[in-house]
Amino acid sequence: MYQLQNTINMLVSDVKERHFMLGKEHEKVYALMLKTVLHAVGQARFSEVESNPLLTALTDDVRTLITSINSLLRRRVAESSVYLKTAIEVLERMRNSREPLYIILCDALSLPEYMFLLYTFHESVSVDKALCAVNPSGKTRTFEYLAKEYLGIKTLQPLEEVTMRNVGEVLREKLGASGFSIFRDIDMLIHHGGEYRNVDEMIESLFKIANKLQKEVENWLNNKYTVLILADHGYDILRNDKVWMLTHTWEKEKLCISPFVPILIIG
C-alpha cells in the first residue's frame, strides 16, 4: 500500500506544482494528461510530451504507478484486492469534516480524468486526500464483489449479486454522506462509443465527459459540500490499424491501466 500511495502523493504534488504552467485551457490540459498517460505506458508517443520538460515528472509518476500495479497483480493477485479494504478504512478515519459529504461513484474513471481533476481542483485537493486501490480484473463485477466483502453489504439471497447502487448506499451510510450518485458516462462511452479515426477525435469525446464530471463536482463544492470520487476501475486505450478504441480489462501480458481504482476527496 505504501509504495502505491507514495507514488500517488508524488503525482498529486507534481500536478499541483505545475498547475499554472500547464495553461488555462481545460481541453488542452486534458489532452496533455491523456497523452502523457499513453506515453508513459508505451501505448503511443507524442512529440508534445517528449519535448515538454514540465511533463517529465508526471510521465515518470504514471509509469511507476501503473508498473507497480501490474507487477503486484502478476506476483500477488490476492494481496492486491486488500488495497480496497485499506482505502475504505482510510476514508472512514478521514471523515471528520464539518462540511456535508457527497459521493460520486464512477463506473470507470482512469488516470487522465484523475489528473485532470487534480489540475482543476488543485486548491481543494490535499496530498493526503488522494488515494487509489486495485481492481484485479479491471472489471465492475470484481469491484462489486470486493466491495460486498469489505463493506459488509448484505443481500436477500446469499448468491445475489451486488450492484453499484448497493455499493453507493452502503458507502453513504458508512461515511455519513448526505447522498450519492453514479456517474456512468465513461463506461457507456467505452461500450458504445465505437472506434476513433485519430487520437484527437477520441480526446474530444472523453473531454466532454471529463468536463461534465468537473462541472458536477464544482456544483457540489459551491453548495459547501466535500466530494468523494471513487471509481470501480480505470480503462485502457487500444490502437489497431490506426483506429483508437477504449476498453477495460486486465491482461497479464500487457501493461494495463484498467486495474487502477482512483479515490479522490475534493474540498
C-alpha atoms as a PDB file:
ATOM      1  CA  MET A   1       0.000   0.000   0.000  1.00  0.00           C
ATOM      2  CA  TYR A   2       2.768   2.433   0.937  1.00  0.00           C
ATOM      3  CA  GLN A   3       4.578   2.165  -2.396  1.00  0.00           C
ATOM      4  CA  LEU A   4       1.457   2.946  -4.426  1.00  0.00           C
ATOM      5  CA  GLN A   5       0.422   5.693  -2.025  1.00  0.00           C
ATOM      6  CA  ASN A   6       3.853   7.306  -2.172  1.00  0.00           C
ATOM      7  CA  THR A   7       3.620   7.353  -5.967  1.00  0.00           C
ATOM      8  CA  ILE A   8       0.133   8.891  -5.836  1.00  0.00           C
ATOM      9  CA  ASN A   9       1.466  11.516  -3.413  1.00  0.00           C
ATOM     10  CA  MET A  10       4.212  12.400  -5.884  1.00  0.00           C
ATOM     11  CA  LEU A  11       1.714  12.592  -8.749  1.00  0.00           C
ATOM     12  CA  VAL A  12      -0.561  14.936  -6.793  1.00  0.00           C
ATOM     13  CA  SER A  13       2.343  17.146  -5.745  1.00  0.00           C
ATOM     14  CA  ASP A  14       3.699  17.335  -9.290  1.00  0.00           C
ATOM     15  CA  VAL A  15       0.314  18.264 -10.788  1.00  0.00           C
ATOM     16  CA  LYS A  16      -0.270  20.933  -8.123  1.00  0.00           C
ATOM     17  CA  GLU A  17       3.203  22.408  -8.596  1.00  0.00           C
ATOM     18  CA  ARG A  18       2.764  22.628 -12.373  1.00  0.00           C
ATOM     19  CA  HIS A  19      -0.796  23.931 -12.360  1.00  0.00           C
ATOM     20  CA  PHE A  20      -0.123  27.471 -13.574  1.00  0.00           C
ATOM     21  CA  MET A  21       2.471  26.328 -16.093  1.00  0.00           C
ATOM     22  CA  LEU A  22       0.149  23.796 -17.730  1.00  0.00           C
ATOM     23  CA  GLY A  23      -2.137  26.552 -19.008  1.00  0.00           C
ATOM     24  CA  LYS A  24      -5.733  27.636 -18.513  1.00  0.00           C
ATOM     25  CA  GLU A  25      -7.499  25.943 -21.437  1.00  0.00           C
ATOM     26  CA  HIS A  26      -9.052  22.870 -19.892  1.00  0.00           C
ATOM     27  CA  GLU A  27      -9.416  20.872 -23.096  1.00  0.00           C
ATOM     28  CA  LYS A  28      -5.739  21.351 -23.963  1.00  0.00           C
ATOM     29  CA  VAL A  29      -4.692  20.384 -20.436  1.00  0.00           C
ATOM     30  CA  TYR A  30      -6.872  17.276 -20.551  1.00  0.00           C
ATOM     31  CA  ALA A  31      -5.363  16.318 -23.900  1.00  0.00           C
ATOM     32  CA  LEU A  32      -1.871  16.673 -22.413  1.00  0.00           C
ATOM     33  CA  MET A  33      -2.837  14.496 -19.455  1.00  0.00           C
ATOM     34  CA  LEU A  34      -4.217  11.739 -21.666  1.00  0.00           C
ATOM     35  CA  LYS A  35      -1.236  11.816 -23.998  1.00  0.00           C
ATOM     36  CA  THR A  36       1.119  11.763 -21.014  1.00  0.00           C
ATOM     37  CA  VAL A  37      -0.564   8.590 -19.739  1.00  0.00           C
ATOM     38  CA  LEU A  38      -0.398   6.890 -23.140  1.00  0.00           C
ATOM     39  CA  HIS A  39       3.228   7.955 -23.493  1.00  0.00           C
ATOM     40  CA  ALA A  40       4.134   6.702 -20.004  1.00  0.00           C
ATOM     41  CA  VAL A  41       2.824   3.176 -20.571  1.00  0.00           C
ATOM     42  CA  GLY A  42       4.208   2.885 -24.100  1.00  0.00           C
ATOM     43  CA  GLN A  43       0.861   2.818 -25.916  1.00  0.00           C
ATOM     44  CA  ALA A  44       1.793   5.804 -28.086  1.00  0.00           C
ATOM     45  CA  ARG A  45       4.432   8.514 -28.388  1.00  0.00           C
ATOM     46  CA  PHE A  46       3.744  12.213 -28.717  1.00  0.00           C
ATOM     47  CA  SER A  47       6.235  14.951 -29.528  1.00  0.00           C
ATOM     48  CA  GLU A  48       4.394  17.442 -27.295  1.00  0.00           C
ATOM     49  CA  VAL A  49       5.039  15.139 -24.333  1.00  0.00           C
ATOM     50  CA  GLU A  50       8.647  14.348 -25.189  1.00  0.00           C
ATOM     51  CA  SER A  51       9.530  17.996 -25.762  1.00  0.00           C
ATOM     52  CA  ASN A  52       7.787  19.369 -22.647  1.00  0.00           C
ATOM     53  CA  PRO A  53      10.025  19.253 -19.534  1.00  0.00           C
ATOM     54  CA  LEU A  54       7.002  20.044 -17.353  1.00  0.00           C
ATOM     55  CA  LEU A  55       5.623  16.594 -18.157  1.00  0.00           C
ATOM     56  CA  THR A  56       8.769  14.576 -17.398  1.00  0.00           C
ATOM     57  CA  ALA A  57       7.973  14.062 -13.719  1.00  0.00           C
ATOM     58  CA  LEU A  58       4.299  13.340 -14.464  1.00  0.00           C
ATOM     59  CA  THR A  59       5.287  10.747 -17.049  1.00  0.00           C
ATOM     60  CA  ASP A  60       7.624   9.078 -14.551  1.00  0.00           C
ATOM     61  CA  ASP A  61       4.929   9.108 -11.844  1.00  0.00           C
ATOM     62  CA  VAL A  62       2.369   7.479 -14.144  1.00  0.00           C
ATOM     63  CA  ARG A  63       4.842   4.861 -15.369  1.00  0.00           C
ATOM     64  CA  THR A  64       5.872   3.959 -11.811  1.00  0.00           C
ATOM     65  CA  LEU A  65       2.263   3.722 -10.619  1.00  0.00           C
ATOM     66  CA  ILE A  66       0.969   1.526 -13.444  1.00  0.00           C
ATOM     67  CA  THR A  67       4.091  -0.659 -13.494  1.00  0.00           C
ATOM     68  CA  SER A  68       3.739  -1.224  -9.741  1.00  0.00           C
ATOM     69  CA  ILE A  69       0.053  -2.187 -10.030  1.00  0.00           C
ATOM     70  CA  ASN A  70       0.690  -4.627 -12.878  1.00  0.00           C
ATOM     71  CA  SER A  71       3.716  -6.131 -11.135  1.00  0.00           C
ATOM     72  CA  LEU A  72       1.633  -6.648  -7.996  1.00  0.00           C
ATOM     73  CA  LEU A  73      -1.105  -8.387  -9.989  1.00  0.00           C
ATOM     74  CA  ARG A  74       1.380 -10.732 -11.639  1.00  0.00           C
ATOM     75  CA  ARG A  75       3.054 -11.697  -8.351  1.00  0.00           C
ATOM     76  CA  ARG A  76       0.432 -11.408  -5.604  1.00  0.00           C
ATOM     77  CA  VAL A  77      -3.042 -11.028  -7.072  1.00  0.00           C
ATOM     78  CA  ALA A  78      -4.777 -11.959  -3.783  1.00  0.00           C
ATOM     79  CA  GLU A  79      -2.882  -9.263  -1.902  1.00  0.00           C
ATOM     80  CA  SER A  80      -3.845  -6.650  -4.468  1.00  0.00           C
ATOM     81  CA  SER A  81      -7.531  -6.928  -3.573  1.00  0.00           C
ATOM     82  CA  VAL A  82      -6.827  -5.863   0.031  1.00  0.00           C
ATOM     83  CA  TYR A  83      -5.898  -2.366  -1.163  1.00  0.00           C
ATOM     84  CA  LEU A  84      -9.583  -1.512  -1.489  1.00  0.00           C
ATOM     85  CA  LYS A  85     -10.204  -2.611   2.102  1.00  0.00           C
ATOM     86  CA  THR A  86      -7.338  -0.439   3.315  1.00  0.00           C
ATOM     87  CA  ALA A  87      -8.572   2.541   1.306  1.00  0.00           C
ATOM     88  CA  ILE A  88     -12.079   2.222   2.784  1.00  0.00           C
ATOM     89  CA  GLU A  89     -10.579   2.158   6.284  1.00  0.00           C
ATOM     90  CA  VAL A  90      -8.591   5.309   5.484  1.00  0.00           C
ATOM     91  CA  LEU A  91     -11.755   7.044   4.244  1.00  0.00           C
ATOM     92  CA  GLU A  92     -13.558   6.172   7.475  1.00  0.00           C
ATOM     93  CA  ARG A  93     -10.740   7.675   9.551  1.00  0.00           C
ATOM     94  CA  MET A  94     -10.678  10.819   7.405  1.00  0.00           C
ATOM     95  CA  ARG A  95     -14.367  11.526   7.742  1.00  0.00           C
ATOM     96  CA  ASN A  96     -14.341  14.251  10.403  1.00  0.00           C
ATOM     97  CA  SER A  97     -15.177  17.358   8.355  1.00  0.00           C
ATOM     98  CA  ARG A  98     -17.983  19.663   9.394  1.00  0.00           C
ATOM     99  CA  GLU A  99     -18.988  20.048   5.763  1.00  0.00           C
ATOM    100  CA  PRO A 100     -21.539  17.545   4.407  1.00  0.00           C
ATOM    101  CA  LEU A 101     -20.111  14.836   2.158  1.00  0.00           C
ATOM    102  CA  TYR A 102     -21.430  13.867  -1.272  1.00  0.00           C
ATOM    103  CA  ILE A 103     -20.230  10.722  -3.058  1.00  0.00           C
ATOM    104  CA  ILE A 104     -19.863  10.371  -6.821  1.00  0.00           C
ATOM    105  CA  LEU A 105     -19.372   6.705  -7.663  1.00  0.00           C
ATOM    106  CA  CYS A 106     -17.943   6.430 -11.175  1.00  0.00           C
ATOM    107  CA  ASP A 107     -18.374   3.443 -13.437  1.00  0.00           C
ATOM    108  CA  ALA A 108     -14.897   3.742 -14.980  1.00  0.00           C
ATOM    109  CA  LEU A 109     -12.527   6.636 -14.372  1.00  0.00           C
ATOM    110  CA  SER A 110      -8.902   6.485 -15.385  1.00  0.00           C
ATOM    111  CA  LEU A 111      -5.658   8.362 -14.874  1.00  0.00           C
ATOM    112  CA  PRO A 112      -6.284  11.156 -17.436  1.00  0.00           C
ATOM    113  CA  GLU A 113      -9.502  12.165 -15.634  1.00  0.00           C
ATOM    114  CA  TYR A 114      -7.889  11.700 -12.218  1.00  0.00           C
ATOM    115  CA  MET A 115      -5.029  14.036 -13.191  1.00  0.00           C
ATOM    116  CA  PHE A 116      -7.450  16.482 -14.817  1.00  0.00           C
ATOM    117  CA  LEU A 117      -9.471  16.688 -11.585  1.00  0.00           C
ATOM    118  CA  LEU A 118      -6.243  17.231  -9.626  1.00  0.00           C
ATOM    119  CA  TYR A 119      -5.410  20.079 -12.003  1.00  0.00           C
ATOM    120  CA  THR A 120      -8.893  21.628 -11.957  1.00  0.00           C
ATOM    121  CA  PHE A 121      -9.360  21.462  -8.192  1.00  0.00           C
ATOM    122  CA  HIS A 122      -5.723  21.910  -7.173  1.00  0.00           C
ATOM    123  CA  GLU A 123      -6.685  24.326  -4.396  1.00  0.00           C
ATOM    124  CA  SER A 124      -9.264  21.908  -2.965  1.00  0.00           C
ATOM    125  CA  VAL A 125      -7.206  18.697  -3.017  1.00  0.00           C
ATOM    126  CA  SER A 126      -4.515  17.963  -0.454  1.00  0.00           C
ATOM    127  CA  VAL A 127      -1.890  15.273  -0.962  1.00  0.00           C
ATOM    128  CA  ASP A 128      -3.272  13.062   1.807  1.00  0.00           C
ATOM    129  CA  LYS A 129      -6.801  13.133   0.316  1.00  0.00           C
ATOM    130  CA  ALA A 130      -5.790  11.460  -2.964  1.00  0.00           C
ATOM    131  CA  LEU A 131      -5.783   7.659  -2.767  1.00  0.00           C
ATOM    132  CA  CYS A 132      -6.003   4.625  -5.013  1.00  0.00           C
ATOM    133  CA  ALA A 133      -6.805   0.937  -4.831  1.00  0.00           C
ATOM    134  CA  VAL A 134      -6.518  -2.035  -7.187  1.00  0.00           C
ATOM    135  CA  ASN A 135      -9.192  -3.978  -9.064  1.00  0.00           C
ATOM    136  CA  PRO A 136      -7.528  -7.302 -10.028  1.00  0.00           C
ATOM    137  CA  SER A 137      -9.648  -7.833 -13.146  1.00  0.00           C
ATOM    138  CA  GLY A 138     -10.240  -4.251 -14.206  1.00  0.00           C
ATOM    139  CA  LYS A 139     -13.973  -5.044 -14.391  1.00  0.00           C
ATOM    140  CA  THR A 140     -17.023  -3.798 -12.499  1.00  0.00           C
ATOM    141  CA  ARG A 141     -18.116  -7.228 -11.272  1.00  0.00           C
ATOM    142  CA  THR A 142     -14.861  -7.776  -9.368  1.00  0.00           C
ATOM    143  CA  PHE A 143     -15.154  -4.364  -7.733  1.00  0.00           C
ATOM    144  CA  GLU A 144     -18.722  -5.122  -6.651  1.00  0.00           C
ATOM    145  CA  TYR A 145     -17.618  -8.465  -5.193  1.00  0.00           C
ATOM    146  CA  LEU A 146     -14.766  -6.869  -3.234  1.00  0.00           C
ATOM    147  CA  ALA A 147     -16.995  -4.040  -2.060  1.00  0.00           C
ATOM    148  CA  LYS A 148     -19.542  -6.572  -0.808  1.00  0.00           C
ATOM    149  CA  GLU A 149     -16.829  -8.272   1.258  1.00  0.00           C
ATOM    150  CA  TYR A 150     -15.125  -5.160   2.609  1.00  0.00           C
ATOM    151  CA  LEU A 151     -18.208  -3.015   3.175  1.00  0.00           C
ATOM    152  CA  GLY A 152     -20.233  -5.867   4.651  1.00  0.00           C
ATOM    153  CA  ILE A 153     -23.078  -5.470   2.153  1.00  0.00           C
ATOM    154  CA  LYS A 154     -25.995  -7.769   2.958  1.00  0.00           C
ATOM    155  CA  THR A 155     -28.179  -9.226   0.226  1.00  0.00           C
ATOM    156  CA  LEU A 156     -31.525 -11.000   0.464  1.00  0.00           C
ATOM    157  CA  GLN A 157     -30.050 -14.160  -1.054  1.00  0.00           C
ATOM    158  CA  PRO A 158     -26.510 -15.478  -0.350  1.00  0.00           C
ATOM    159  CA  LEU A 159     -25.582 -15.599  -4.041  1.00  0.00           C
ATOM    160  CA  GLU A 160     -27.363 -12.384  -5.026  1.00  0.00           C
ATOM    161  CA  GLU A 161     -25.075 -10.053  -6.944  1.00  0.00           C
ATOM    162  CA  VAL A 162     -24.247  -6.633  -5.525  1.00  0.00           C
ATOM    163  CA  THR A 163     -24.818  -3.593  -7.751  1.00  0.00           C
ATOM    164  CA  MET A 164     -23.061  -0.228  -7.882  1.00  0.00           C
ATOM    165  CA  ARG A 165     -26.157   1.270  -6.278  1.00  0.00           C
ATOM    166  CA  ASN A 166     -25.764  -1.129  -3.328  1.00  0.00           C
ATOM    167  CA  VAL A 167     -22.152  -0.023  -3.001  1.00  0.00           C
ATOM    168  CA  GLY A 168     -23.111   3.658  -3.093  1.00  0.00           C
ATOM    169  CA  GLU A 169     -25.824   3.254  -0.472  1.00  0.00           C
ATOM    170  CA  VAL A 170     -23.592   1.392   1.989  1.00  0.00           C
ATOM    171  CA  LEU A 171     -20.726   3.847   1.435  1.00  0.00           C
ATOM    172  CA  ARG A 172     -23.151   6.684   2.132  1.00  0.00           C
ATOM    173  CA  GLU A 173     -24.129   5.108   5.438  1.00  0.00           C
ATOM    174  CA  LYS A 174     -20.598   4.129   6.443  1.00  0.00           C
ATOM    175  CA  LEU A 175     -19.118   7.567   5.717  1.00  0.00           C
ATOM    176  CA  GLY A 176     -22.104   9.576   6.911  1.00  0.00           C
ATOM    177  CA  ALA A 177     -22.584  11.165   3.494  1.00  0.00           C
ATOM    178  CA  SER A 178     -25.614  13.257   2.585  1.00  0.00           C
ATOM    179  CA  GLY A 179     -26.106  11.420  -0.687  1.00  0.00           C
ATOM    180  CA  PHE A 180     -24.523   9.746  -3.692  1.00  0.00           C
ATOM    181  CA  SER A 181     -24.878   9.411  -7.428  1.00  0.00           C
ATOM    182  CA  ILE A 182     -23.480   7.056 -10.061  1.00  0.00           C
ATOM    183  CA  PHE A 183     -21.617   8.588 -12.990  1.00  0.00           C
ATOM    184  CA  ARG A 184     -21.794   6.101 -15.872  1.00  0.00           C
ATOM    185  CA  ASP A 185     -20.839   8.255 -18.862  1.00  0.00           C
ATOM    186  CA  ILE A 186     -17.303   6.926 -19.302  1.00  0.00           C
ATOM    187  CA  ASP A 187     -18.344   3.278 -19.147  1.00  0.00           C
ATOM    188  CA  MET A 188     -21.133   3.963 -21.629  1.00  0.00           C
ATOM    189  CA  LEU A 189     -18.607   5.540 -23.984  1.00  0.00           C
ATOM    190  CA  ILE A 190     -16.301   2.538 -23.601  1.00  0.00           C
ATOM    191  CA  HIS A 191     -19.050   0.084 -24.536  1.00  0.00           C
ATOM    192  CA  HIS A 192     -20.978   2.138 -27.073  1.00  0.00           C
ATOM    193  CA  GLY A 193     -18.544   4.773 -28.334  1.00  0.00           C
ATOM    194  CA  GLY A 194     -17.168   2.729 -31.188  1.00  0.00           C
ATOM    195  CA  GLU A 195     -13.860   3.468 -32.893  1.00  0.00           C
ATOM    196  CA  TYR A 196     -11.978   6.714 -33.460  1.00  0.00           C
ATOM    197  CA  ARG A 197     -10.021   7.618 -36.556  1.00  0.00           C
ATOM    198  CA  ASN A 198      -7.453   9.642 -34.632  1.00  0.00           C
ATOM    199  CA  VAL A 199      -6.447  10.444 -31.080  1.00  0.00           C
ATOM    200  CA  ASP A 200      -7.852  13.989 -31.196  1.00  0.00           C
ATOM    201  CA  GLU A 201     -11.322  12.685 -32.063  1.00  0.00           C
ATOM    202  CA  MET A 202     -11.147  10.314 -29.083  1.00  0.00           C
ATOM    203  CA  ILE A 203      -9.882  13.056 -26.769  1.00  0.00           C
ATOM    204  CA  GLU A 204     -12.776  15.296 -27.779  1.00  0.00           C
ATOM    205  CA  SER A 205     -15.307  12.632 -26.726  1.00  0.00           C
ATOM    206  CA  LEU A 206     -13.545  11.909 -23.443  1.00  0.00           C
ATOM    207  CA  PHE A 207     -13.061  15.568 -22.578  1.00  0.00           C
ATOM    208  CA  LYS A 208     -16.789  16.279 -22.891  1.00  0.00           C
ATOM    209  CA  ILE A 209     -17.365  13.664 -20.200  1.00  0.00           C
ATOM    210  CA  ALA A 210     -14.481  14.827 -18.007  1.00  0.00           C
ATOM    211  CA  ASN A 211     -15.781  18.380 -18.264  1.00  0.00           C
ATOM    212  CA  LYS A 212     -19.297  17.236 -17.317  1.00  0.00           C
ATOM    213  CA  LEU A 213     -17.915  15.476 -14.226  1.00  0.00           C
ATOM    214  CA  GLN A 214     -15.868  18.550 -13.324  1.00  0.00           C
ATOM    215  CA  LYS A 215     -18.995  20.733 -13.511  1.00  0.00           C
ATOM    216  CA  GLU A 216     -20.888  18.296 -11.300  1.00  0.00           C
ATOM    217  CA  VAL A 217     -18.133  18.380  -8.672  1.00  0.00           C
ATOM    218  CA  GLU A 218     -17.979  22.173  -8.912  1.00  0.00           C
ATOM    219  CA  ASN A 219     -21.710  22.410  -8.260  1.00  0.00           C
ATOM    220  CA  TRP A 220     -21.441  20.408  -5.026  1.00  0.00           C
ATOM    221  CA  LEU A 221     -18.397  22.382  -3.866  1.00  0.00           C
ATOM    222  CA  ASN A 222     -20.262  25.654  -4.481  1.00  0.00           C
ATOM    223  CA  ASN A 223     -23.020  24.324  -2.238  1.00  0.00           C
ATOM    224  CA  LYS A 224     -20.475  23.771   0.556  1.00  0.00           C
ATOM    225  CA  TYR A 225     -20.104  20.008   0.193  1.00  0.00           C
ATOM    226  CA  THR A 226     -16.968  17.925   0.303  1.00  0.00           C
ATOM    227  CA  VAL A 227     -16.972  15.490  -2.639  1.00  0.00           C
ATOM    228  CA  LEU A 228     -15.648  11.936  -2.672  1.00  0.00           C
ATOM    229  CA  ILE A 229     -14.961  10.485  -6.103  1.00  0.00           C
ATOM    230  CA  LEU A 230     -14.497   6.724  -6.236  1.00  0.00           C
ATOM    231  CA  ALA A 231     -14.387   4.538  -9.347  1.00  0.00           C
ATOM    232  CA  ASP A 232     -14.606   0.791  -9.816  1.00  0.00           C
ATOM    233  CA  HIS A 233     -11.795   0.609 -12.395  1.00  0.00           C
ATOM    234  CA  GLY A 234      -9.851   2.548 -14.989  1.00  0.00           C
ATOM    235  CA  TYR A 235      -9.706   1.916 -18.713  1.00  0.00           C
ATOM    236  CA  ASP A 236      -7.189   1.288 -21.464  1.00  0.00           C
ATOM    237  CA  ILE A 237      -6.817   2.688 -24.951  1.00  0.00           C
ATOM    238  CA  LEU A 238      -6.032   0.359 -27.827  1.00  0.00           C
ATOM    239  CA  ARG A 239      -4.711   1.248 -31.257  1.00  0.00           C
ATOM    240  CA  ASN A 240      -5.193  -1.178 -34.146  1.00  0.00           C
ATOM    241  CA  ASP A 241      -4.599  -0.280 -37.790  1.00  0.00           C
ATOM    242  CA  LYS A 242      -4.703   3.428 -36.916  1.00  0.00           C
ATOM    243  CA  VAL A 243      -8.048   3.014 -35.160  1.00  0.00           C
ATOM    244  CA  TRP A 244      -8.336   4.009 -31.484  1.00  0.00           C
ATOM    245  CA  MET A 245     -10.657   2.139 -29.099  1.00  0.00           C
ATOM    246  CA  LEU A 246     -11.485   2.176 -25.383  1.00  0.00           C
ATOM    247  CA  THR A 247     -11.640  -0.983 -23.279  1.00  0.00           C
ATOM    248  CA  HIS A 248     -11.312  -2.178 -19.698  1.00  0.00           C
ATOM    249  CA  THR A 249      -9.838  -5.459 -18.514  1.00  0.00           C
ATOM    250  CA  TRP A 250      -6.523  -6.720 -17.167  1.00  0.00           C
ATOM    251  CA  GLU A 251      -4.271  -8.834 -19.366  1.00  0.00           C
ATOM    252  CA  LYS A 252      -1.171 -10.374 -17.821  1.00  0.00           C
ATOM    253  CA  GLU A 253       0.968  -9.871 -20.914  1.00  0.00           C
ATOM    254  CA  LYS A 254       0.247  -6.126 -21.175  1.00  0.00           C
ATOM    255  CA  LEU A 255       0.822  -3.016 -19.107  1.00  0.00           C
ATOM    256  CA  CYS A 256      -2.800  -2.180 -18.287  1.00  0.00           C
ATOM    257  CA  ILE A 257      -4.350   0.865 -16.627  1.00  0.00           C
ATOM    258  CA  SER A 258      -7.765  -0.767 -16.101  1.00  0.00           C
ATOM    259  CA  PRO A 259      -6.929  -2.169 -12.615  1.00  0.00           C
ATOM    260  CA  PHE A 260      -6.290   1.368 -11.310  1.00  0.00           C
ATOM    261  CA  VAL A 261      -9.048   2.395  -8.846  1.00  0.00           C
ATOM    262  CA  PRO A 262      -8.988   6.183  -8.307  1.00  0.00           C
ATOM    263  CA  ILE A 263     -10.156   7.651  -4.986  1.00  0.00           C
ATOM    264  CA  LEU A 264     -10.206  11.409  -4.500  1.00  0.00           C
ATOM    265  CA  ILE A 265     -11.607  13.704  -1.802  1.00  0.00           C
ATOM    266  CA  ILE A 266     -12.197  17.255  -3.051  1.00  0.00           C
ATOM    267  CA  GLY A 267     -12.986  20.109  -0.701  1.00  0.00           C
END
